[in-house]
Amino acid sequence: VLFLRDDDIPQSVAGGVADVGIVGENEFVERQENAEIIKRLGFSRCRL
């Protein structure tokens, strides 16, 4: 497990620093990195 800031996770996964990541959908959509959604986990729900 690699512990990072939430806004660094999409880039780390897209760049291969991490293989997978657990991140808020808000950060994933905002960062627009080349990573794929594997599974919706159903927790940490919120809204923008």
All heavy atoms as atom14 arrays in JSON, in Angstrom:
{
  "sequence": "VLFLRDDDIPQSVAGGVADVGIVGENEFVERQENAEIIKRLGFSRCRL",
  "atom14_mask": [
    [1, 1, 1, 1, 1, 1, 1, 0, 0, 0, 0, 0, 0, 0],
    [1, 1, 1, 1, 1, 1, 1, 1, 0, 0, 0, 0, 0, 0],
    [1, 1, 1, 1, 1, 1, 1, 1, 1, 1, 1, 0, 0, 0],
    [1, 1, 1, 1, 1, 1, 1, 1, 0, 0, 0, 0, 0, 0],
    [1, 1, 1, 1, 1, 1, 1, 1, 1, 1, 1, 0, 0, 0],
    [1, 1, 1, 1, 1, 1, 1, 1, 0, 0, 0, 0, 0, 0],
    [1, 1, 1, 1, 1, 1, 1, 1, 0, 0, 0, 0, 0, 0],
    [1, 1, 1, 1, 1, 1, 1, 1, 0, 0, 0, 0, 0, 0],
    [1, 1, 1, 1, 1, 1, 1, 1, 0, 0, 0, 0, 0, 0],
    [1, 1, 1, 1, 1, 1, 1, 0, 0, 0, 0, 0, 0, 0],
    [1, 1, 1, 1, 1, 1, 1, 1, 1, 0, 0, 0, 0, 0],
    [1, 1, 1, 1, 1, 1, 0, 0, 0, 0, 0, 0, 0, 0],
    [1, 1, 1, 1, 1, 1, 1, 0, 0, 0, 0, 0, 0, 0],
    [1, 1, 1, 1, 1, 0, 0, 0, 0, 0, 0, 0, 0, 0],
    [1, 1, 1, 1, 0, 0, 0, 0, 0, 0, 0, 0, 0, 0],
    [1, 1, 1, 1, 0, 0, 0, 0, 0, 0, 0, 0, 0, 0],
    [1, 1, 1, 1, 1, 1, 1, 0, 0, 0, 0, 0, 0, 0],
    [1, 1, 1, 1, 1, 0, 0, 0, 0, 0, 0, 0, 0, 0],
    [1, 1, 1, 1, 1, 1, 1, 1, 0, 0, 0, 0, 0, 0],
    [1, 1, 1, 1, 1, 1, 1, 0, 0, 0, 0, 0, 0, 0],
    [1, 1, 1, 1, 0, 0, 0, 0, 0, 0, 0, 0, 0, 0],
    [1, 1, 1, 1, 1, 1, 1, 1, 0, 0, 0, 0, 0, 0],
    [1, 1, 1, 1, 1, 1, 1, 0, 0, 0, 0, 0, 0, 0],
    [1, 1, 1, 1, 0, 0, 0, 0, 0, 0, 0, 0, 0, 0],
    [1, 1, 1, 1, 1, 1, 1, 1, 1, 0, 0, 0, 0, 0],
    [1, 1, 1, 1, 1, 1, 1, 1, 0, 0, 0, 0, 0, 0],
    [1, 1, 1, 1, 1, 1, 1, 1, 1, 0, 0, 0, 0, 0],
    [1, 1, 1, 1, 1, 1, 1, 1, 1, 1, 1, 0, 0, 0],
    [1, 1, 1, 1, 1, 1, 1, 0, 0, 0, 0, 0, 0, 0],
    [1, 1, 1, 1, 1, 1, 1, 1, 1, 0, 0, 0, 0, 0],
    [1, 1, 1, 1, 1, 1, 1, 1, 1, 1, 1, 0, 0, 0],
    [1, 1, 1, 1, 1, 1, 1, 1, 1, 0, 0, 0, 0, 0],
    [1, 1, 1, 1, 1, 1, 1, 1, 1, 0, 0, 0, 0, 0],
    [1, 1, 1, 1, 1, 1, 1, 1, 0, 0, 0, 0, 0, 0],
    [1, 1, 1, 1, 1, 0, 0, 0, 0, 0, 0, 0, 0, 0],
    [1, 1, 1, 1, 1, 1, 1, 1, 1, 0, 0, 0, 0, 0],
    [1, 1, 1, 1, 1, 1, 1, 1, 0, 0, 0, 0, 0, 0],
    [1, 1, 1, 1, 1, 1, 1, 1, 0, 0, 0, 0, 0, 0],
    [1, 1, 1, 1, 1, 1, 1, 1, 1, 0, 0, 0, 0, 0],
    [1, 1, 1, 1, 1, 1, 1, 1, 1, 1, 1, 0, 0, 0],
    [1, 1, 1, 1, 1, 1, 1, 1, 0, 0, 0, 0, 0, 0],
    [1, 1, 1, 1, 0, 0, 0, 0, 0, 0, 0, 0, 0, 0],
    [1, 1, 1, 1, 1, 1, 1, 1, 1, 1, 1, 0, 0, 0],
    [1, 1, 1, 1, 1, 1, 0, 0, 0, 0, 0, 0, 0, 0],
    [1, 1, 1, 1, 1, 1, 1, 1, 1, 1, 1, 0, 0, 0],
    [1, 1, 1, 1, 1, 1, 0, 0, 0, 0, 0, 0, 0, 0],
    [1, 1, 1, 1, 1, 1, 1, 1, 1, 1, 1, 0, 0, 0],
    [1, 1, 1, 1, 1, 1, 1, 1, 0, 0, 0, 0, 0, 0]
  ],
  "atom14_positions": [
    [[0.84, -1.19, 0.0], [0.0, 0.0, 0.0], [0.87, 1.24, 0.0], [1.77, 1.39, 0.84], [-0.95, 0.0, 1.21], [-1.75, 1.3, 1.27], [-1.9, -1.2, 1.14], [0.0, 0.0, 0.0], [0.0, 0.0, 0.0], [0.0, 0.0, 0.0], [0.0, 0.0, 0.0], [0.0, 0.0, 0.0], [0.0, 0.0, 0.0], [0.0, 0.0, 0.0]],
    [[0.61, 2.12, -0.95], [1.33, 3.38, -1.09], [0.4, 4.5, -0.64], [-0.67, 4.7, -1.22], [1.75, 3.58, -2.55], [2.45, 4.89, -2.91], [3.81, 4.99, -2.21], [2.61, 5.0, -4.43], [0.0, 0.0, 0.0], [0.0, 0.0, 0.0], [0.0, 0.0, 0.0], [0.0, 0.0, 0.0], [0.0, 0.0, 0.0], [0.0, 0.0, 0.0]],
    [[0.78, 5.24, 0.41], [-0.05, 6.3, 0.96], [0.28, 7.64, 0.3], [1.43, 8.09, 0.34], [0.13, 6.39, 2.47], [-0.35, 5.17, 3.21], [0.55, 4.24, 3.69], [-1.71, 4.94, 3.38], [0.11, 3.11, 4.36], [-2.16, 3.81, 4.05], [-1.26, 2.9, 4.54], [0.0, 0.0, 0.0], [0.0, 0.0, 0.0], [0.0, 0.0, 0.0]],
    [[-0.73, 8.26, -0.32], [-0.54, 9.5, -1.06], [-1.64, 10.5, -0.75], [-2.67, 10.16, -0.17], [-0.57, 9.21, -2.57], [0.5, 8.27, -3.15], [0.17, 7.98, -4.61], [1.88, 8.88, -3.02], [0.0, 0.0, 0.0], [0.0, 0.0, 0.0], [0.0, 0.0, 0.0], [0.0, 0.0, 0.0], [0.0, 0.0, 0.0], [0.0, 0.0, 0.0]],
    [[-1.44, 11.74, -1.19], [-2.52, 12.71, -1.2], [-3.59, 12.25, -2.19], [-3.26, 11.64, -3.22], [-2.0, 14.09, -1.63], [-1.22, 14.85, -0.57], [-0.53, 16.05, -1.2], [-1.4, 16.8, -2.09], [-2.04, 17.93, -1.74], [-1.89, 18.42, -0.52], [-2.8, 18.57, -2.61], [0.0, 0.0, 0.0], [0.0, 0.0, 0.0], [0.0, 0.0, 0.0]],
    [[-4.84, 12.56, -1.9], [-5.92, 12.08, -2.78], [-5.77, 12.56, -4.21], [-6.02, 11.81, -5.16], [-7.29, 12.48, -2.22], [-7.41, 13.98, -1.98], [-6.38, 14.69, -2.06], [-8.53, 14.45, -1.71], [0.0, 0.0, 0.0], [0.0, 0.0, 0.0], [0.0, 0.0, 0.0], [0.0, 0.0, 0.0], [0.0, 0.0, 0.0], [0.0, 0.0, 0.0]],
    [[-5.32, 13.81, -4.4], [-5.22, 14.33, -5.76], [-4.0, 13.8, -6.53], [-3.88, 14.01, -7.74], [-5.22, 15.86, -5.77], [-4.19, 16.46, -4.82], [-3.51, 15.69, -4.12], [-4.08, 17.69, -4.78], [0.0, 0.0, 0.0], [0.0, 0.0, 0.0], [0.0, 0.0, 0.0], [0.0, 0.0, 0.0], [0.0, 0.0, 0.0], [0.0, 0.0, 0.0]],
    [[-3.11, 13.08, -5.85], [-1.95, 12.47, -6.52], [-2.23, 11.05, -6.99], [-1.46, 10.5, -7.78], [-0.74, 12.45, -5.58], [-0.15, 13.83, -5.34], [-0.33, 14.7, -6.22], [0.47, 14.05, -4.29], [0.0, 0.0, 0.0], [0.0, 0.0, 0.0], [0.0, 0.0, 0.0], [0.0, 0.0, 0.0], [0.0, 0.0, 0.0], [0.0, 0.0, 0.0]],
    [[-3.31, 10.44, -6.51], [-3.56, 9.03, -6.79], [-3.85, 8.77, -8.27], [-3.26, 7.85, -8.87], [-4.68, 8.48, -5.88], [-4.18, 8.46, -4.43], [-5.11, 7.08, -6.32], [-5.23, 8.04, -3.42], [0.0, 0.0, 0.0], [0.0, 0.0, 0.0], [0.0, 0.0, 0.0], [0.0, 0.0, 0.0], [0.0, 0.0, 0.0], [0.0, 0.0, 0.0]],
    [[-4.73, 9.53, -8.93], [-4.99, 9.24, -10.36], [-3.73, 9.29, -11.22], [-3.51, 8.41, -12.06], [-5.99, 10.33, -10.76], [-6.7, 10.68, -9.49], [-5.63, 10.6, -8.44], [0.0, 0.0, 0.0], [0.0, 0.0, 0.0], [0.0, 0.0, 0.0], [0.0, 0.0, 0.0], [0.0, 0.0, 0.0], [0.0, 0.0, 0.0], [0.0, 0.0, 0.0]],
    [[-2.88, 10.3, -11.01], [-1.65, 10.41, -11.8], [-0.7, 9.26, -11.49], [-0.04, 8.73, -12.4], [-0.97, 11.75, -11.51], [0.29, 11.96, -12.34], [0.96, 13.29, -12.05], [0.74, 13.89, -11.01], [1.77, 13.76, -12.98], [0.0, 0.0, 0.0], [0.0, 0.0, 0.0], [0.0, 0.0, 0.0], [0.0, 0.0, 0.0], [0.0, 0.0, 0.0]],
    [[-0.61, 8.87, -10.23], [0.29, 7.78, -9.84], [-0.12, 6.46, -10.49], [0.72, 5.68, -10.92], [0.31, 7.62, -8.31], [0.81, 8.78, -7.7], [0.0, 0.0, 0.0], [0.0, 0.0, 0.0], [0.0, 0.0, 0.0], [0.0, 0.0, 0.0], [0.0, 0.0, 0.0], [0.0, 0.0, 0.0], [0.0, 0.0, 0.0], [0.0, 0.0, 0.0]],
    [[-1.43, 6.22, -10.58], [-1.92, 5.0, -11.22], [-1.71, 5.07, -12.73], [-1.23, 4.12, -13.35], [-3.41, 4.77, -10.87], [-3.97, 3.6, -11.69], [-3.57, 4.5, -9.38], [0.0, 0.0, 0.0], [0.0, 0.0, 0.0], [0.0, 0.0, 0.0], [0.0, 0.0, 0.0], [0.0, 0.0, 0.0], [0.0, 0.0, 0.0], [0.0, 0.0, 0.0]],
    [[-2.04, 6.2, -13.33], [-1.88, 6.35, -14.78], [-0.42, 6.23, -15.2], [-0.1, 5.67, -16.26], [-2.45, 7.69, -15.23], [0.0, 0.0, 0.0], [0.0, 0.0, 0.0], [0.0, 0.0, 0.0], [0.0, 0.0, 0.0], [0.0, 0.0, 0.0], [0.0, 0.0, 0.0], [0.0, 0.0, 0.0], [0.0, 0.0, 0.0], [0.0, 0.0, 0.0]],
    [[0.49, 6.74, -14.35], [1.91, 6.71, -14.68], [2.62, 5.44, -14.29], [3.82, 5.29, -14.55], [0.0, 0.0, 0.0], [0.0, 0.0, 0.0], [0.0, 0.0, 0.0], [0.0, 0.0, 0.0], [0.0, 0.0, 0.0], [0.0, 0.0, 0.0], [0.0, 0.0, 0.0], [0.0, 0.0, 0.0], [0.0, 0.0, 0.0], [0.0, 0.0, 0.0]],
    [[1.92, 4.5, -13.65], [2.53, 3.23, -13.29], [3.28, 3.22, -11.98], [3.87, 2.2, -11.61], [0.0, 0.0, 0.0], [0.0, 0.0, 0.0], [0.0, 0.0, 0.0], [0.0, 0.0, 0.0], [0.0, 0.0, 0.0], [0.0, 0.0, 0.0], [0.0, 0.0, 0.0], [0.0, 0.0, 0.0], [0.0, 0.0, 0.0], [0.0, 0.0, 0.0]],
    [[3.27, 4.32, -11.24], [3.89, 4.34, -9.91], [3.13, 3.39, -8.99], [3.7, 2.7, -8.15], [3.9, 5.76, -9.32], [4.41, 5.76, -7.89], [4.75, 6.68, -10.2], [0.0, 0.0, 0.0], [0.0, 0.0, 0.0], [0.0, 0.0, 0.0], [0.0, 0.0, 0.0], [0.0, 0.0, 0.0], [0.0, 0.0, 0.0], [0.0, 0.0, 0.0]],
    [[1.8, 3.36, -9.14], [0.95, 2.39, -8.48], [0.18, 1.62, -9.55], [-0.08, 2.15, -10.63], [-0.01, 3.07, -7.51], [0.0, 0.0, 0.0], [0.0, 0.0, 0.0], [0.0, 0.0, 0.0], [0.0, 0.0, 0.0], [0.0, 0.0, 0.0], [0.0, 0.0, 0.0], [0.0, 0.0, 0.0], [0.0, 0.0, 0.0], [0.0, 0.0, 0.0]],
    [[-0.17, 0.37, -9.23], [-0.91, -0.44, -10.2], [-2.4, -0.12, -10.16], [-3.06, -0.05, -11.2], [-0.71, -1.93, -9.9], [0.76, -2.32, -9.95], [1.41, -2.02, -10.98], [1.26, -2.91, -8.97], [0.0, 0.0, 0.0], [0.0, 0.0, 0.0], [0.0, 0.0, 0.0], [0.0, 0.0, 0.0], [0.0, 0.0, 0.0], [0.0, 0.0, 0.0]],
    [[-2.93, 0.04, -8.97], [-4.34, 0.39, -8.76], [-4.4, 1.43, -7.65], [-3.43, 1.65, -6.93], [-5.21, -0.84, -8.4], [-5.21, -1.86, -9.53], [-4.74, -1.48, -7.09], [0.0, 0.0, 0.0], [0.0, 0.0, 0.0], [0.0, 0.0, 0.0], [0.0, 0.0, 0.0], [0.0, 0.0, 0.0], [0.0, 0.0, 0.0], [0.0, 0.0, 0.0]],
    [[-5.55, 2.06, -7.52], [-5.71, 3.04, -6.46], [-7.16, 3.13, -6.03], [-8.07, 2.84, -6.81], [0.0, 0.0, 0.0], [0.0, 0.0, 0.0], [0.0, 0.0, 0.0], [0.0, 0.0, 0.0], [0.0, 0.0, 0.0], [0.0, 0.0, 0.0], [0.0, 0.0, 0.0], [0.0, 0.0, 0.0], [0.0, 0.0, 0.0], [0.0, 0.0, 0.0]],
    [[-7.37, 3.53, -4.79], [-8.71, 3.79, -4.28], [-8.82, 5.29, -4.07], [-8.08, 5.87, -3.27], [-8.99, 3.01, -2.99], [-8.95, 1.51, -3.28], [-10.35, 3.41, -2.4], [-9.16, 0.62, -2.06], [0.0, 0.0, 0.0], [0.0, 0.0, 0.0], [0.0, 0.0, 0.0], [0.0, 0.0, 0.0], [0.0, 0.0, 0.0], [0.0, 0.0, 0.0]],
    [[-9.74, 5.92, -4.79], [-9.8, 7.38, -4.83], [-11.24, 7.82, -4.99], [-12.08, 7.08, -5.52], [-8.93, 7.92, -6.0], [-9.52, 7.53, -7.34], [-8.73, 9.42, -5.91], [0.0, 0.0, 0.0], [0.0, 0.0, 0.0], [0.0, 0.0, 0.0], [0.0, 0.0, 0.0], [0.0, 0.0, 0.0], [0.0, 0.0, 0.0], [0.0, 0.0, 0.0]],
    [[-11.53, 9.03, -4.53], [-12.85, 9.59, -4.72], [-13.12, 9.87, -6.19], [-12.24, 10.31, -6.93], [0.0, 0.0, 0.0], [0.0, 0.0, 0.0], [0.0, 0.0, 0.0], [0.0, 0.0, 0.0], [0.0, 0.0, 0.0], [0.0, 0.0, 0.0], [0.0, 0.0, 0.0], [0.0, 0.0, 0.0], [0.0, 0.0, 0.0], [0.0, 0.0, 0.0]],
    [[-14.35, 9.62, -6.62], [-14.73, 9.86, -8.01], [-14.51, 11.31, -8.39], [-14.16, 11.63, -9.53], [-16.19, 9.46, -8.21], [-16.67, 9.51, -9.64], [-18.06, 8.95, -9.8], [-18.66, 8.52, -8.79], [-18.55, 8.93, -10.94], [0.0, 0.0, 0.0], [0.0, 0.0, 0.0], [0.0, 0.0, 0.0], [0.0, 0.0, 0.0], [0.0, 0.0, 0.0]],
    [[-14.7, 12.22, -7.44], [-14.5, 13.64, -7.7], [-13.07, 13.94, -8.15], [-12.84, 14.69, -9.11], [-14.85, 14.47, -6.46], [-14.16, 13.98, -5.2], [-14.3, 12.83, -4.81], [-13.4, 14.84, -4.56], [0.0, 0.0, 0.0], [0.0, 0.0, 0.0], [0.0, 0.0, 0.0], [0.0, 0.0, 0.0], [0.0, 0.0, 0.0], [0.0, 0.0, 0.0]],
    [[-12.08, 13.33, -7.48], [-10.68, 13.54, -7.86], [-10.36, 12.87, -9.18], [-9.63, 13.41, -10.0], [-9.75, 13.02, -6.77], [-9.76, 13.82, -5.48], [-9.18, 15.22, -5.66], [-8.54, 15.49, -6.69], [-9.4, 16.06, -4.76], [0.0, 0.0, 0.0], [0.0, 0.0, 0.0], [0.0, 0.0, 0.0], [0.0, 0.0, 0.0], [0.0, 0.0, 0.0]],
    [[-10.93, 11.7, -9.4], [-10.66, 10.98, -10.64], [-11.18, 11.76, -11.85], [-10.49, 11.9, -12.87], [-11.32, 9.59, -10.59], [-11.13, 8.78, -11.84], [-9.89, 8.28, -12.19], [-12.21, 8.51, -12.67], [-9.72, 7.53, -13.34], [-12.05, 7.77, -13.83], [-10.8, 7.28, -14.16], [0.0, 0.0, 0.0], [0.0, 0.0, 0.0], [0.0, 0.0, 0.0]],
    [[-12.39, 12.29, -11.74], [-12.97, 13.05, -12.84], [-12.23, 14.36, -13.04], [-11.97, 14.79, -14.18], [-14.48, 13.31, -12.59], [-15.06, 14.24, -13.66], [-15.25, 12.0, -12.57], [0.0, 0.0, 0.0], [0.0, 0.0, 0.0], [0.0, 0.0, 0.0], [0.0, 0.0, 0.0], [0.0, 0.0, 0.0], [0.0, 0.0, 0.0], [0.0, 0.0, 0.0]],
    [[-11.84, 15.01, -11.97], [-11.14, 16.3, -12.06], [-9.78, 16.15, -12.74], [-9.4, 16.97, -13.58], [-10.97, 16.9, -10.67], [-10.15, 18.19, -10.62], [-10.82, 19.37, -11.32], [-12.06, 19.38, -11.45], [-10.09, 20.28, -11.74], [0.0, 0.0, 0.0], [0.0, 0.0, 0.0], [0.0, 0.0, 0.0], [0.0, 0.0, 0.0], [0.0, 0.0, 0.0]],
    [[-9.05, 15.09, -12.41], [-7.67, 14.95, -12.9], [-7.59, 14.47, -14.35], [-6.58, 14.7, -15.02], [-6.87, 14.0, -12.0], [-6.83, 14.42, -10.54], [-6.22, 15.77, -10.35], [-6.63, 16.35, -9.06], [-6.33, 17.58, -8.67], [-5.63, 18.36, -9.48], [-6.75, 18.04, -7.51], [0.0, 0.0, 0.0], [0.0, 0.0, 0.0], [0.0, 0.0, 0.0]],
    [[-8.59, 13.75, -14.83], [-8.63, 13.32, -16.23], [-7.37, 12.57, -16.65], [-6.79, 12.81, -17.71], [-8.85, 14.54, -17.15], [-10.22, 15.18, -17.02], [-11.33, 14.3, -17.55], [-11.34, 13.9, -18.71], [-12.29, 13.98, -16.7], [0.0, 0.0, 0.0], [0.0, 0.0, 0.0], [0.0, 0.0, 0.0], [0.0, 0.0, 0.0], [0.0, 0.0, 0.0]],
    [[-6.92, 11.64, -15.8], [-5.73, 10.85, -16.1], [-6.12, 9.56, -16.84], [-7.27, 9.12, -16.81], [-5.0, 10.49, -14.81], [-4.42, 11.69, -14.06], [-3.19, 12.29, -14.74], [-2.66, 11.66, -15.68], [-2.76, 13.38, -14.33], [0.0, 0.0, 0.0], [0.0, 0.0, 0.0], [0.0, 0.0, 0.0], [0.0, 0.0, 0.0], [0.0, 0.0, 0.0]],
    [[-5.13, 8.95, -17.5], [-5.36, 7.76, -18.29], [-5.34, 6.52, -17.39], [-4.39, 5.73, -17.37], [-4.29, 7.62, -19.38], [-4.55, 6.4, -20.27], [-5.69, 5.99, -20.45], [-3.48, 5.83, -20.8], [0.0, 0.0, 0.0], [0.0, 0.0, 0.0], [0.0, 0.0, 0.0], [0.0, 0.0, 0.0], [0.0, 0.0, 0.0], [0.0, 0.0, 0.0]],
    [[-6.4, 6.37, -16.6], [-6.61, 5.19, -15.77], [-8.04, 4.75, -15.97], [-8.89, 5.53, -16.42], [-6.33, 5.51, -14.3], [0.0, 0.0, 0.0], [0.0, 0.0, 0.0], [0.0, 0.0, 0.0], [0.0, 0.0, 0.0], [0.0, 0.0, 0.0], [0.0, 0.0, 0.0], [0.0, 0.0, 0.0], [0.0, 0.0, 0.0], [0.0, 0.0, 0.0]],
    [[-8.34, 3.5, -15.65], [-9.68, 2.98, -15.87], [-10.37, 2.66, -14.56], [-9.73, 2.29, -13.57], [-9.63, 1.73, -16.75], [-8.77, 0.61, -16.21], [-8.63, -0.53, -17.21], [-8.93, -0.32, -18.39], [-8.24, -1.63, -16.78], [0.0, 0.0, 0.0], [0.0, 0.0, 0.0], [0.0, 0.0, 0.0], [0.0, 0.0, 0.0], [0.0, 0.0, 0.0]],
    [[-11.69, 2.82, -14.56], [-12.48, 2.45, -13.38], [-12.66, 0.94, -13.37], [-13.21, 0.36, -14.31], [-13.85, 3.15, -13.39], [-13.68, 4.67, -13.34], [-14.69, 2.67, -12.2], [-14.99, 5.43, -13.45], [0.0, 0.0, 0.0], [0.0, 0.0, 0.0], [0.0, 0.0, 0.0], [0.0, 0.0, 0.0], [0.0, 0.0, 0.0], [0.0, 0.0, 0.0]],
    [[-12.16, 0.3, -12.32], [-12.29, -1.15, -12.18], [-13.55, -1.51, -11.42], [-14.27, -2.45, -11.79], [-11.05, -1.73, -11.46], [-9.8, -1.49, -12.29], [-11.23, -3.23, -11.19], [-8.51, -1.86, -11.59], [0.0, 0.0, 0.0], [0.0, 0.0, 0.0], [0.0, 0.0, 0.0], [0.0, 0.0, 0.0], [0.0, 0.0, 0.0], [0.0, 0.0, 0.0]],
    [[-13.83, -0.75, -10.37], [-15.0, -1.08, -9.54], [-15.45, 0.14, -8.74], [-14.61, 0.88, -8.22], [-14.67, -2.23, -8.57], [-15.85, -2.73, -7.76], [-15.46, -3.92, -6.93], [-16.66, -4.48, -6.17], [-17.72, -4.95, -7.08], [0.0, 0.0, 0.0], [0.0, 0.0, 0.0], [0.0, 0.0, 0.0], [0.0, 0.0, 0.0], [0.0, 0.0, 0.0]],
    [[-16.75, 0.32, -8.65], [-17.33, 1.31, -7.74], [-17.47, 0.64, -6.38], [-18.07, -0.44, -6.28], [-18.68, 1.79, -8.25], [-18.55, 2.63, -9.52], [-19.89, 3.14, -10.01], [-19.67, 4.06, -11.12], [-19.44, 5.36, -10.98], [-19.42, 5.9, -9.75], [-19.24, 6.13, -12.02], [0.0, 0.0, 0.0], [0.0, 0.0, 0.0], [0.0, 0.0, 0.0]],
    [[-16.95, 1.28, -5.34], [-16.85, 0.62, -4.04], [-18.01, 0.94, -3.1], [-18.18, 0.28, -2.08], [-15.51, 0.98, -3.38], [-14.28, 0.49, -4.16], [-13.01, 1.0, -3.51], [-14.26, -1.03, -4.25], [0.0, 0.0, 0.0], [0.0, 0.0, 0.0], [0.0, 0.0, 0.0], [0.0, 0.0, 0.0], [0.0, 0.0, 0.0], [0.0, 0.0, 0.0]],
    [[-18.77, 1.99, -3.4], [-20.0, 2.22, -2.65], [-19.85, 2.9, -1.31], [-20.84, 3.05, -0.59], [0.0, 0.0, 0.0], [0.0, 0.0, 0.0], [0.0, 0.0, 0.0], [0.0, 0.0, 0.0], [0.0, 0.0, 0.0], [0.0, 0.0, 0.0], [0.0, 0.0, 0.0], [0.0, 0.0, 0.0], [0.0, 0.0, 0.0], [0.0, 0.0, 0.0]],
    [[-18.65, 3.35, -0.93], [-18.5, 4.09, 0.32], [-17.91, 5.47, 0.05], [-17.61, 5.82, -1.07], [-17.67, 3.31, 1.35], [-16.29, 2.91, 0.91], [-15.23, 3.8, 0.96], [-16.03, 1.61, 0.48], [-13.94, 3.43, 0.58], [-14.76, 1.22, 0.1], [-13.71, 2.15, 0.15], [0.0, 0.0, 0.0], [0.0, 0.0, 0.0], [0.0, 0.0, 0.0]],
    [[-17.77, 6.26, 1.11], [-17.31, 7.65, 1.01], [-18.14, 8.44, 0.0], [-17.62, 9.19, -0.83], [-15.82, 7.7, 0.62], [-15.01, 7.24, 1.67], [0.0, 0.0, 0.0], [0.0, 0.0, 0.0], [0.0, 0.0, 0.0], [0.0, 0.0, 0.0], [0.0, 0.0, 0.0], [0.0, 0.0, 0.0], [0.0, 0.0, 0.0], [0.0, 0.0, 0.0]],
    [[-19.44, 8.26, 0.08], [-20.34, 8.97, -0.83], [-20.43, 10.45, -0.46], [-20.48, 10.8, 0.71], [-21.74, 8.35, -0.8], [-21.79, 6.92, -1.32], [-23.22, 6.41, -1.34], [-23.3, 5.01, -1.72], [-23.32, 4.56, -2.97], [-23.28, 5.42, -3.97], [-23.4, 3.27, -3.22], [0.0, 0.0, 0.0], [0.0, 0.0, 0.0], [0.0, 0.0, 0.0]],
    [[-20.45, 11.29, -1.46], [-20.63, 12.73, -1.28], [-21.12, 13.29, -2.61], [-21.43, 12.54, -3.54], [-19.33, 13.4, -0.83], [-17.98, 13.26, -2.02], [0.0, 0.0, 0.0], [0.0, 0.0, 0.0], [0.0, 0.0, 0.0], [0.0, 0.0, 0.0], [0.0, 0.0, 0.0], [0.0, 0.0, 0.0], [0.0, 0.0, 0.0], [0.0, 0.0, 0.0]],
    [[-21.19, 14.6, -2.71], [-21.61, 15.25, -3.95], [-20.83, 16.53, -4.13], [-20.33, 17.12, -3.16], [-23.12, 15.52, -3.94], [-23.59, 16.36, -2.76], [-25.1, 16.29, -2.61], [-25.58, 17.12, -1.51], [-25.66, 16.7, -0.24], [-25.29, 15.47, 0.07], [-26.11, 17.5, 0.7], [0.0, 0.0, 0.0], [0.0, 0.0, 0.0], [0.0, 0.0, 0.0]],
    [[-20.68, 16.95, -5.36], [-20.07, 18.24, -5.67], [-21.2, 19.21, -6.0], [-21.99, 18.96, -6.92], [-19.11, 18.12, -6.85], [-17.72, 17.56, -6.54], [-16.94, 17.34, -7.82], [-16.96, 18.49, -5.63], [0.0, 0.0, 0.0], [0.0, 0.0, 0.0], [0.0, 0.0, 0.0], [0.0, 0.0, 0.0], [0.0, 0.0, 0.0], [0.0, 0.0, 0.0]]
  ]
}
